[in-house]
Amino acid sequence: MSLSDFARLLDVRPASVSNHKKSGVVPKHYAVVAVLLGHLGDEHFEFRDLLHKHGVSFQEGKQSPSAPAQLTLISSRSKR
């Protein structure tokens, strides 16, 4: 996964992720997501399928790498 893809997934700009390179420390929430995605990738598991199963969908389409992703969160309560 590229830095741009990771930033898009978290709905932040790539610079918000790469700015942490200078300090060598990343926020814990970035680290948790990176570790979990890495483990899913090692197991050849498609994380988008898992997120979609839990109501998080991604709008497909060409986007600028600096543009945050468009996510649609569907609450489990709204599925009733």
Protein backbone atom coordinates (compact mmCIF):
# COMPACT_ATOMS: atom_id res chain seq x y z
CA MET A 1 0.00 0.00 0.00
CA SER A 2 1.40 3.38 -0.95
CA LEU A 3 1.57 6.36 1.35
CA SER A 4 -1.15 8.02 -0.75
CA ASP A 5 -3.40 4.95 -0.42
CA PHE A 6 -2.84 4.84 3.34
CA ALA A 7 -3.63 8.54 3.66
CA ARG A 8 -6.74 8.16 1.52
CA LEU A 9 -7.92 5.28 3.71
CA LEU A 10 -7.55 7.42 6.84
CA ASP A 11 -9.10 10.44 5.11
CA VAL A 12 -6.03 12.62 5.57
CA ARG A 13 -3.64 14.28 3.17
CA PRO A 14 -0.43 12.36 2.34
CA ALA A 15 1.65 15.15 3.88
CA SER A 16 -0.11 14.53 7.20
CA VAL A 17 1.37 11.03 7.18
CA SER A 18 4.79 11.77 5.69
CA ASN A 19 5.45 14.71 8.07
CA HIS A 20 6.07 12.16 10.83
CA LYS A 21 9.12 10.81 8.98
CA LYS A 22 11.31 13.62 10.38
CA SER A 23 10.59 12.72 14.01
CA GLY A 24 10.65 8.97 13.41
CA VAL A 25 7.52 8.57 15.53
CA VAL A 26 4.00 8.10 14.24
CA PRO A 27 0.74 8.58 16.13
CA LYS A 28 -0.48 5.39 17.77
CA HIS A 29 -3.65 5.29 15.64
CA TYR A 30 -1.55 5.32 12.44
CA ALA A 31 0.62 2.51 13.83
CA VAL A 32 -2.36 0.38 14.82
CA VAL A 33 -3.95 0.71 11.39
CA ALA A 34 -0.64 0.01 9.62
CA VAL A 35 0.02 -3.13 11.70
CA LEU A 36 -3.50 -4.48 11.18
CA LEU A 37 -3.43 -3.78 7.43
CA GLY A 38 0.01 -5.38 7.18
CA HIS A 39 -1.24 -8.50 8.93
CA LEU A 40 -4.31 -8.68 6.68
CA GLY A 41 -2.04 -8.31 3.65
CA ASP A 42 0.28 -11.05 4.90
CA GLU A 43 -2.76 -13.32 5.17
CA HIS A 44 -3.92 -12.30 1.65
CA PHE A 45 -7.13 -10.87 3.10
CA GLU A 46 -8.83 -8.01 1.27
CA PHE A 47 -9.44 -5.33 3.90
CA ARG A 48 -11.96 -3.47 1.75
CA ASP A 49 -14.24 -6.53 1.85
CA LEU A 50 -14.01 -6.61 5.64
CA LEU A 51 -14.76 -2.91 5.97
CA HIS A 52 -17.66 -3.17 3.53
CA LYS A 53 -19.08 -6.05 5.58
CA HIS A 54 -19.22 -3.67 8.55
CA GLY A 55 -20.82 -0.80 6.67
CA VAL A 56 -17.80 1.19 5.48
CA SER A 57 -17.75 1.64 1.73
CA PHE A 58 -15.42 3.53 -0.55
CA GLN A 59 -16.56 5.58 -3.51
CA GLU A 60 -14.60 4.40 -6.48
CA GLY A 61 -13.28 6.77 -9.05
CA LYS A 62 -10.18 8.67 -9.97
CA GLN A 63 -9.06 10.99 -7.21
CA SER A 64 -6.12 13.25 -6.72
CA PRO A 65 -3.57 11.62 -4.38
CA SER A 66 -3.91 14.64 -2.09
CA ALA A 67 -7.71 14.45 -1.96
CA PRO A 68 -9.19 12.61 0.99
CA ALA A 69 -11.24 9.52 0.15
CA GLN A 70 -14.99 9.68 0.17
CA LEU A 71 -16.30 7.19 2.70
CA THR A 72 -19.86 6.30 3.45
CA LEU A 73 -20.40 4.97 6.94
CA ILE A 74 -23.57 3.02 7.42
CA SER A 75 -24.48 2.54 11.04
CA SER A 76 -25.52 -0.95 12.04
CA ARG A 77 -28.52 0.70 13.68
CA SER A 78 -29.73 2.07 10.34
CA LYS A 79 -29.86 -1.44 8.85
CA ARG A 80 -32.88 -2.38 10.96
